[in-house]
């Protein structure tokens, strides 16, 4: 796990090749087959080296949530563990990693009146009003959630007001024991170096045809799956709200902010083995050594 552009995909492939196993994705933006360049989906060459699961397996029109992901990922693991001792999960979506590692709590359906009131608050005060309520209602989740995602903020507030408990507290109650060992390995990088990599990757995405890709999915732009960095900025350009150069700069800025939120999420845990990918280390050897030290059979 780790922030976007840190090099997770390349390392995961090498680890999977070493252990002759397969990869399960926990990147919530790579589930959708219509999205490729803008979500940094592994290339065809990378996908040919190791079998990947839960990548390009859905349409943006499909309903999908983190609970469904939990079940899908566990099914993949059940199959993998019949022939392999090790499976590799890779991604930067903290909520989905948590779902696989710890499970999702049974969260009650919200009170319809509360849901309606919150949507009216959103219409009147925008996302800033939702952020304000969440910060005062559940500050722990406020510092974890993607503050640019009104869907997740609304859901958290619905649960808080329906149950009278913090959403972050209820989620912790859903921790489940898994019938396999979990070794968490985090990839870190100096922020300045990471920001340079992010900026360069966005430029490469544009050169690869990001604008054309966004135009090809423009008819879906109101769907939740398209409310994501790399697409919403180009939609703004297409709607005439920004110049293309500014839209590209906005992608870089918002991606850097997203990477910062990812690290905030991961730093909550004290069981992550951190490796630093920008210190000229052999990250593959270091990762394999960590895994082998935790395996019952070396």
Foldseek 3Di string as FASTA:
>chain_A
DAAPLLCFLVLLLLLCVVQVFAEEELAPLQLALLDDLLSPDPDPVSCVSHPYPNGNNHHLPDDDDLQNLLVVVVVVVVVRVVPGQDYHYDYLDLSNVCCNQFNFFPFDDFDPVLLVVVVVQCVVPNLVSLLVVCCVQAVVVSLQDDSLQVVVSSVQSRRCVRPVDGSVVRRVVRGDDDPHDDAAAYEDEDLVVSLVSLLVSLVVSVVVPLLVSLVVCVVVCVRSSQSDQSNVLSNCVVVVNDPPVVSSVVSSVVSSVRSVSSVSNVVVDPRYHYDYSPPPDPVSVVVVVSVVVPDPHD
